[in-house]
Amino acid sequence: MTFLKLIRYQNLLLLALMQLIFRFGYLELINIPLSLWYWQYALLIAATVLIAAGGYVINDIFDQETDLENHSKKTIIGNSITESKAYIIYASLTITGVLCGFILANSVEKSNFAVIFVLIATLLYFYASTLKQIAVVGNIIVATLLAFSVIIIGIFDIVPNTFDFNQKQMMLAFAILFDYAKFAFIVNLVREIIKDIEDIKGDTLQEMKTLPILIGVAKTNKIALVLLLLPVLYLFYYVKSNLFDNNLLYSVFYMIALVIAPMIICLIKIWNAKEKSDYTQISKLLKWIIFFGILSIAVITLNIKYNG
């Protein structure tokens, strides 16, 4: 159980589930020629999850002192697991993940794609060791990596089977994936900013340069509000013009109830947030908004497929 907590198994399960949703709840339903067999897609998920797990471990290694202040009861490295053992776990997870990526890239005859996994693992290391201490930069990197876990599906499952005769169809499928990646990016960026507010006490003691430390909690709250308000406004427009006007009522209900309404609740909570516990609740809610936002691709695709 200690190991599972160390690698944030719940987050990893959500990550794997999201990638399964894109494959079985979208790509296979729109009848396009996919590049990956099931065993290859399993390799893609394994590579993504293992490298992400390694990222959590190396982040905890470098964050030991900060975590003692911010999350003393949840600190694992130095208590349940020694630092040297944590480094072994990190190396094992990361190397295995990169190896899965290497096998995958060669199996689709795109060996140069293997460098993607090396770059992601390297970026996670530098994020944990250096980049997370730079205001906004660290937040953007984490948000980008989540968005890229969506884009990478298109890189491996769509690009290799894209030719002149099906380019328009395949690029449309990729474009929709990219739209969901943008949604994941912006909501996760807000979540990372909220987490910085939540952890301001420990980050201040460690002399980190996060956004709330540099400009204050009040101004950071306003930035988070604006960033979250933008996708809310866009989703209202999208639901009206693409779902409601096309009589996709199941999708309309889903989007309003499980994506837009929780985002509005988040906006209200951010506006009223004062205590650390308030920001903890907001962070958890944003994580589920990302999940239900991703799940909407299956709901909408099925609604289109079987509408009328």
Foldseek 3Di string as FASTA:
>chain_A
DLLCLQLVVVVLVLLLVLLVCCVVLFVVLVDDQWQDDPVLSVLLSLLLSLLSSLLSLLLLLLCVQLCCVQPVVSRCDVPVHDSVVSVVSSVVSLVSSLVSLCVSCVVSPNNVSSVVSVVLSVVSNCLSNPQVLAALRSLQNVLLSSLVSLLVSLVRTQVSPADPVCPVVSVVSSVVSNVLSVVSSLLSSLLVLLVCVLSVVSCVVVVGDYPCVPPNLVVSLVVSLVSLVVVLVVVVVCCVPPQVVVPLVQLSCLCVPQANVLSVVLSVLSVVDDHSVSSVVSSVSSVSNSSSSSSSSSSVSVSVVPPD
